[in-house]
N, C-alpha and C. Protein backbone atom coordinates (compact mmCIF):
# COMPACT_ATOMS: atom_id res chain seq x y z
N MET A 1 216.69 96.69 112.15
CA MET A 1 216.66 95.28 112.51
C MET A 1 217.82 94.92 113.44
N ARG A 2 218.95 95.62 113.28
CA ARG A 2 220.12 95.31 114.12
C ARG A 2 219.87 95.67 115.57
N MET A 3 218.98 96.61 115.83
CA MET A 3 218.71 97.06 117.20
C MET A 3 217.73 96.14 117.92
N ILE A 4 217.08 95.26 117.21
CA ILE A 4 216.05 94.43 117.84
C ILE A 4 216.66 93.42 118.83
N PHE A 5 217.83 92.86 118.51
CA PHE A 5 218.44 91.86 119.39
C PHE A 5 218.78 92.44 120.76
N PRO A 6 219.47 93.59 120.84
CA PRO A 6 219.76 94.14 122.18
C PRO A 6 218.50 94.46 122.98
N ILE A 7 217.48 94.93 122.31
CA ILE A 7 216.23 95.26 123.00
C ILE A 7 215.57 93.99 123.55
N ILE A 8 215.50 92.97 122.71
CA ILE A 8 214.91 91.69 123.15
C ILE A 8 215.74 91.10 124.29
N PHE A 9 217.07 91.12 124.15
CA PHE A 9 217.96 90.59 125.18
C PHE A 9 217.76 91.32 126.51
N THR A 10 217.63 92.63 126.44
CA THR A 10 217.40 93.43 127.65
C THR A 10 216.11 93.02 128.34
N PHE A 11 215.04 92.85 127.57
CA PHE A 11 213.77 92.46 128.17
C PHE A 11 213.81 91.04 128.73
N ILE A 12 214.57 90.17 128.10
CA ILE A 12 214.73 88.81 128.63
C ILE A 12 215.44 88.86 129.98
N ILE A 13 216.51 89.64 130.07
CA ILE A 13 217.25 89.77 131.33
C ILE A 13 216.37 90.37 132.41
N ILE A 14 215.63 91.41 132.08
CA ILE A 14 214.72 92.04 133.04
C ILE A 14 213.67 91.02 133.50
N GLY A 15 213.12 90.27 132.56
CA GLY A 15 212.12 89.25 132.90
C GLY A 15 212.68 88.17 133.78
N LEU A 16 213.89 87.69 133.45
CA LEU A 16 214.53 86.67 134.28
C LEU A 16 214.72 87.17 135.71
N PHE A 17 215.19 88.37 135.82
CA PHE A 17 215.45 88.93 137.15
C PHE A 17 214.13 89.12 137.92
N HIS A 18 213.15 89.65 137.23
CA HIS A 18 211.88 89.95 137.89
C HIS A 18 211.14 88.69 138.33
N PHE A 19 211.06 87.72 137.43
CA PHE A 19 210.25 86.54 137.71
C PHE A 19 210.98 85.43 138.47
N THR A 20 212.29 85.40 138.40
CA THR A 20 213.02 84.32 139.08
C THR A 20 213.82 84.82 140.27
N GLY A 21 214.11 86.09 140.30
CA GLY A 21 214.90 86.63 141.40
C GLY A 21 216.33 86.10 141.41
N LEU A 22 216.84 85.77 140.26
CA LEU A 22 218.20 85.22 140.18
C LEU A 22 219.21 86.23 140.70
N ILE A 23 219.87 85.89 141.75
CA ILE A 23 220.86 86.77 142.37
C ILE A 23 222.03 87.02 141.42
N ALA A 24 222.34 86.06 140.57
CA ALA A 24 223.47 86.20 139.66
C ALA A 24 223.30 87.40 138.73
N LEU A 25 222.08 87.73 138.40
CA LEU A 25 221.85 88.88 137.51
C LEU A 25 222.22 90.19 138.17
N LYS A 26 222.26 90.21 139.51
CA LYS A 26 222.66 91.43 140.21
C LYS A 26 224.15 91.72 140.01
N TYR A 27 224.91 90.72 139.61
CA TYR A 27 226.34 90.90 139.40
C TYR A 27 226.66 91.59 138.06
N TYR A 28 225.69 91.66 137.17
CA TYR A 28 225.92 92.19 135.82
C TYR A 28 226.50 93.61 135.81
N PRO A 29 225.90 94.59 136.50
CA PRO A 29 226.47 95.95 136.47
C PRO A 29 227.89 96.00 137.02
N ALA A 30 228.14 95.25 138.09
CA ALA A 30 229.48 95.24 138.67
C ALA A 30 230.47 94.63 137.68
N ALA A 31 230.07 93.56 137.03
CA ALA A 31 230.95 92.89 136.06
C ALA A 31 231.26 93.81 134.88
N ILE A 32 230.28 94.53 134.40
CA ILE A 32 230.50 95.45 133.28
C ILE A 32 231.45 96.57 133.69
N ASN A 33 231.23 97.15 134.87
CA ASN A 33 232.13 98.21 135.35
C ASN A 33 233.55 97.69 135.50
N LEU A 34 233.70 96.50 136.04
CA LEU A 34 235.03 95.92 136.21
C LEU A 34 235.69 95.65 134.86
N ALA A 35 234.92 95.17 133.89
CA ALA A 35 235.47 94.90 132.56
C ALA A 35 235.94 96.19 131.89
N ILE A 36 235.12 97.23 131.94
CA ILE A 36 235.51 98.49 131.32
C ILE A 36 236.70 99.11 132.05
N PHE A 37 236.69 99.03 133.39
CA PHE A 37 237.84 99.50 134.16
C PHE A 37 239.11 98.78 133.73
N THR A 38 239.03 97.48 133.58
CA THR A 38 240.20 96.68 133.19
C THR A 38 240.75 97.13 131.84
N ILE A 39 239.86 97.40 130.90
CA ILE A 39 240.28 97.85 129.56
C ILE A 39 240.96 99.22 129.67
N PHE A 40 240.33 100.15 130.37
CA PHE A 40 240.90 101.49 130.51
C PHE A 40 242.21 101.45 131.28
N PHE A 41 242.22 100.74 132.41
CA PHE A 41 243.42 100.70 133.26
C PHE A 41 244.58 100.03 132.54
N SER A 42 244.32 98.93 131.85
CA SER A 42 245.41 98.25 131.15
C SER A 42 245.98 99.12 130.03
N SER A 43 245.14 100.00 129.48
CA SER A 43 245.63 100.88 128.40
C SER A 43 246.57 101.95 128.93
N THR A 44 246.57 102.20 130.24
CA THR A 44 247.49 103.20 130.80
C THR A 44 248.94 102.71 130.78
N PHE A 45 249.13 101.43 130.55
CA PHE A 45 250.47 100.86 130.48
C PHE A 45 250.97 100.75 129.04
N THR A 46 250.19 101.26 128.11
CA THR A 46 250.58 101.24 126.70
C THR A 46 250.92 102.65 126.24
N GLU A 47 251.44 102.74 125.03
CA GLU A 47 251.80 104.05 124.50
C GLU A 47 250.57 104.93 124.29
N GLU A 48 249.47 104.34 123.81
CA GLU A 48 248.22 105.08 123.58
C GLU A 48 247.13 104.50 124.46
N THR A 49 246.48 105.35 125.25
CA THR A 49 245.35 104.89 126.05
C THR A 49 244.13 104.74 125.15
N VAL A 50 243.10 104.11 125.70
CA VAL A 50 241.85 103.92 124.95
C VAL A 50 241.28 105.28 124.53
N ILE A 51 241.29 106.23 125.43
CA ILE A 51 240.73 107.55 125.12
C ILE A 51 241.57 108.25 124.06
N GLN A 52 242.89 108.06 124.08
CA GLN A 52 243.74 108.63 123.03
C GLN A 52 243.37 108.04 121.67
N LYS A 53 243.09 106.76 121.65
CA LYS A 53 242.70 106.11 120.38
C LYS A 53 241.38 106.67 119.87
N PHE A 54 240.42 106.86 120.79
CA PHE A 54 239.14 107.47 120.39
C PHE A 54 239.35 108.88 119.87
N ALA A 55 240.16 109.66 120.56
CA ALA A 55 240.42 111.05 120.15
C ALA A 55 241.10 111.09 118.78
N LYS A 56 242.02 110.18 118.56
CA LYS A 56 242.73 110.12 117.28
C LYS A 56 241.76 109.80 116.14
N ILE A 57 240.82 108.90 116.39
CA ILE A 57 239.81 108.55 115.39
C ILE A 57 238.90 109.74 115.13
N MET A 58 238.47 110.42 116.20
CA MET A 58 237.57 111.56 116.07
C MET A 58 238.23 112.73 115.33
N GLU A 59 239.51 112.97 115.64
CA GLU A 59 240.22 114.08 115.01
C GLU A 59 240.71 113.72 113.61
N GLY A 60 240.94 112.45 113.37
CA GLY A 60 241.41 112.01 112.06
C GLY A 60 242.86 112.37 111.77
N LYS A 61 243.62 112.61 112.82
CA LYS A 61 245.02 112.98 112.64
C LYS A 61 245.80 112.64 113.91
N GLU A 62 247.11 112.78 113.83
CA GLU A 62 247.97 112.55 115.00
C GLU A 62 247.70 113.65 116.03
N LEU A 63 247.68 113.27 117.29
CA LEU A 63 247.37 114.23 118.35
C LEU A 63 248.62 114.96 118.82
N PRO A 64 248.50 116.26 119.09
CA PRO A 64 249.63 116.99 119.69
C PRO A 64 249.93 116.44 121.08
N ASP A 65 251.14 116.65 121.55
CA ASP A 65 251.56 116.13 122.85
C ASP A 65 250.66 116.61 123.99
N ILE A 66 250.22 117.85 123.94
CA ILE A 66 249.38 118.39 125.01
C ILE A 66 248.04 117.66 125.06
N VAL A 67 247.53 117.26 123.91
CA VAL A 67 246.27 116.51 123.86
C VAL A 67 246.50 115.08 124.36
N LYS A 68 247.64 114.51 124.02
CA LYS A 68 247.97 113.17 124.52
C LYS A 68 248.04 113.17 126.04
N ASP A 69 248.64 114.22 126.59
CA ASP A 69 248.74 114.34 128.04
C ASP A 69 247.34 114.47 128.66
N TYR A 70 246.50 115.30 128.06
CA TYR A 70 245.13 115.50 128.54
C TYR A 70 244.34 114.19 128.51
N THR A 71 244.42 113.46 127.40
CA THR A 71 243.66 112.22 127.27
C THR A 71 244.18 111.13 128.22
N ARG A 72 245.48 111.14 128.48
CA ARG A 72 246.03 110.17 129.45
C ARG A 72 245.48 110.47 130.84
N LYS A 73 245.48 111.75 131.22
CA LYS A 73 244.92 112.13 132.52
C LYS A 73 243.43 111.82 132.59
N LEU A 74 242.73 112.03 131.49
CA LEU A 74 241.31 111.72 131.44
C LEU A 74 241.08 110.22 131.62
N THR A 75 241.96 109.40 131.09
CA THR A 75 241.86 107.96 131.27
C THR A 75 241.98 107.61 132.75
N TYR A 76 242.88 108.28 133.46
CA TYR A 76 243.01 108.05 134.90
C TYR A 76 241.73 108.44 135.64
N VAL A 77 241.12 109.55 135.23
CA VAL A 77 239.87 109.99 135.86
C VAL A 77 238.79 108.92 135.66
N TRP A 78 238.67 108.41 134.43
CA TRP A 78 237.67 107.38 134.17
C TRP A 78 237.97 106.10 134.94
N CYS A 79 239.25 105.77 135.11
CA CYS A 79 239.61 104.58 135.89
C CYS A 79 239.14 104.73 137.34
N VAL A 80 239.35 105.89 137.92
CA VAL A 80 238.91 106.12 139.30
C VAL A 80 237.38 106.02 139.37
N PHE A 81 236.71 106.65 138.43
CA PHE A 81 235.25 106.60 138.41
C PHE A 81 234.74 105.17 138.25
N LEU A 82 235.30 104.44 137.32
CA LEU A 82 234.85 103.07 137.07
C LEU A 82 235.11 102.16 138.27
N MET A 83 236.23 102.35 138.95
CA MET A 83 236.50 101.55 140.14
C MET A 83 235.51 101.90 141.25
N PHE A 84 235.21 103.19 141.41
CA PHE A 84 234.20 103.61 142.38
C PHE A 84 232.85 102.98 142.03
N ASN A 85 232.46 103.09 140.78
CA ASN A 85 231.16 102.57 140.34
C ASN A 85 231.10 101.06 140.52
N PHE A 86 232.20 100.37 140.23
CA PHE A 86 232.26 98.92 140.44
C PHE A 86 232.07 98.61 141.92
N THR A 87 232.78 99.32 142.77
CA THR A 87 232.73 99.06 144.21
C THR A 87 231.32 99.24 144.76
N VAL A 88 230.67 100.33 144.39
CA VAL A 88 229.31 100.58 144.87
C VAL A 88 228.35 99.56 144.27
N SER A 89 228.48 99.27 142.96
CA SER A 89 227.62 98.27 142.32
C SER A 89 227.77 96.91 143.00
N PHE A 90 229.00 96.55 143.32
CA PHE A 90 229.25 95.27 143.97
C PHE A 90 228.63 95.27 145.38
N ALA A 91 228.78 96.36 146.10
CA ALA A 91 228.22 96.44 147.45
C ALA A 91 226.69 96.33 147.43
N THR A 92 226.05 96.89 146.42
CA THR A 92 224.58 96.86 146.37
C THR A 92 224.04 95.45 146.10
N ILE A 93 224.88 94.56 145.62
CA ILE A 93 224.44 93.17 145.39
C ILE A 93 223.93 92.57 146.70
N PHE A 94 224.55 92.94 147.79
CA PHE A 94 224.23 92.35 149.09
C PHE A 94 223.22 93.18 149.88
N MET A 95 222.70 94.19 149.23
CA MET A 95 221.67 95.02 149.86
C MET A 95 220.31 94.64 149.28
N SER A 96 219.29 95.35 149.69
CA SER A 96 217.94 95.04 149.19
C SER A 96 217.86 95.29 147.69
N SER A 97 216.90 94.63 147.07
CA SER A 97 216.69 94.81 145.63
C SER A 97 216.35 96.26 145.30
N LYS A 98 215.68 96.92 146.22
CA LYS A 98 215.32 98.32 146.00
C LYS A 98 216.57 99.20 145.91
N VAL A 99 217.51 99.02 146.85
CA VAL A 99 218.76 99.79 146.84
C VAL A 99 219.55 99.47 145.58
N TRP A 100 219.64 98.18 145.25
CA TRP A 100 220.36 97.75 144.05
C TRP A 100 219.77 98.42 142.81
N THR A 101 218.45 98.41 142.70
CA THR A 101 217.77 98.99 141.54
C THR A 101 217.97 100.49 141.46
N ILE A 102 217.85 101.16 142.58
CA ILE A 102 218.00 102.63 142.58
C ILE A 102 219.41 103.02 142.14
N TYR A 103 220.42 102.33 142.69
CA TYR A 103 221.80 102.70 142.32
C TYR A 103 222.11 102.28 140.88
N ASN A 104 221.92 101.00 140.58
CA ASN A 104 222.34 100.48 139.27
C ASN A 104 221.41 100.86 138.13
N GLY A 105 220.19 101.22 138.44
CA GLY A 105 219.25 101.60 137.39
C GLY A 105 219.06 103.09 137.23
N CYS A 106 219.61 103.86 138.16
CA CYS A 106 219.40 105.30 138.09
C CYS A 106 220.66 106.09 138.46
N ILE A 107 221.10 105.96 139.69
CA ILE A 107 222.20 106.79 140.19
C ILE A 107 223.48 106.61 139.38
N SER A 108 223.83 105.37 139.07
CA SER A 108 225.08 105.15 138.32
C SER A 108 225.02 105.79 136.94
N TYR A 109 223.84 105.78 136.31
CA TYR A 109 223.69 106.42 135.00
C TYR A 109 223.78 107.94 135.13
N LEU A 110 223.18 108.47 136.18
CA LEU A 110 223.27 109.92 136.41
C LEU A 110 224.71 110.35 136.65
N LEU A 111 225.44 109.57 137.45
CA LEU A 111 226.85 109.89 137.71
C LEU A 111 227.69 109.81 136.43
N THR A 112 227.43 108.79 135.63
CA THR A 112 228.16 108.65 134.36
C THR A 112 227.87 109.83 133.44
N GLY A 113 226.61 110.18 133.32
CA GLY A 113 226.23 111.33 132.50
C GLY A 113 226.83 112.62 133.01
N LEU A 114 226.88 112.78 134.33
CA LEU A 114 227.48 113.96 134.93
C LEU A 114 228.97 114.04 134.60
N LEU A 115 229.65 112.91 134.70
CA LEU A 115 231.08 112.90 134.37
C LEU A 115 231.29 113.24 132.89
N PHE A 116 230.47 112.67 132.00
CA PHE A 116 230.55 113.01 130.58
C PHE A 116 230.35 114.51 130.36
N ALA A 117 229.34 115.07 131.00
CA ALA A 117 229.02 116.49 130.81
C ALA A 117 230.15 117.39 131.33
N ILE A 118 230.65 117.08 132.51
CA ILE A 118 231.75 117.88 133.07
C ILE A 118 232.98 117.79 132.18
N GLU A 119 233.29 116.58 131.74
CA GLU A 119 234.47 116.41 130.87
C GLU A 119 234.29 117.16 129.57
N TYR A 120 233.08 117.15 129.02
CA TYR A 120 232.82 117.85 127.76
C TYR A 120 233.07 119.35 127.92
N LEU A 121 232.59 119.92 129.01
CA LEU A 121 232.80 121.35 129.26
C LEU A 121 234.29 121.66 129.44
N ILE A 122 234.98 120.81 130.17
CA ILE A 122 236.42 121.00 130.36
C ILE A 122 237.15 120.87 129.02
N ARG A 123 236.72 119.92 128.19
CA ARG A 123 237.36 119.73 126.88
C ARG A 123 237.17 120.95 125.99
N LEU A 124 235.96 121.53 126.01
CA LEU A 124 235.72 122.74 125.21
C LEU A 124 236.64 123.87 125.65
N ARG A 125 236.76 124.04 126.96
CA ARG A 125 237.65 125.08 127.51
C ARG A 125 239.11 124.79 127.15
N PHE A 126 239.50 123.54 127.25
CA PHE A 126 240.86 123.11 126.91
C PHE A 126 241.16 123.42 125.44
N LYS A 127 240.22 123.09 124.56
CA LYS A 127 240.43 123.33 123.13
C LYS A 127 240.55 124.83 122.82
N ARG A 128 239.73 125.62 123.48
CA ARG A 128 239.81 127.08 123.30
C ARG A 128 241.15 127.63 123.80
N LYS A 129 241.55 127.17 124.97
CA LYS A 129 242.76 127.69 125.60
C LYS A 129 244.00 127.35 124.80
N TYR A 130 244.09 126.11 124.29
CA TYR A 130 245.29 125.67 123.60
C TYR A 130 245.13 125.65 122.08
N ASN A 131 243.97 126.09 121.60
CA ASN A 131 243.74 126.19 120.16
C ASN A 131 243.97 124.86 119.42
N VAL A 132 243.43 123.81 119.98
CA VAL A 132 243.58 122.48 119.36
C VAL A 132 242.25 121.93 118.93
């Protein structure tokens, strides 16, 4: 039952965009990327980055310094990616709906998935190398 609201909300947004052509809805992907970038980037000025907090929760213990360094660098990588994704998403607002849809509905998800997959492989190698 908890999943029904996001699904209904998604279809309402899609319907609004499709039937009304509201340009404001094109800003949604850019706004989300900017919001997540802001959270990640602001965490780089704190003792623990967002990714360090996630890693600490996943591991259930205090992280070794080498892992803290790795997760801080990973936060920088995600910041660069999110800023890139925001920039392209924002640029597509002023392009045709077809270009906007292809990038924001497909390419950005593929790029995000690719970054997750690459990072996962690097993390496995990192864990093997440093025995963490």
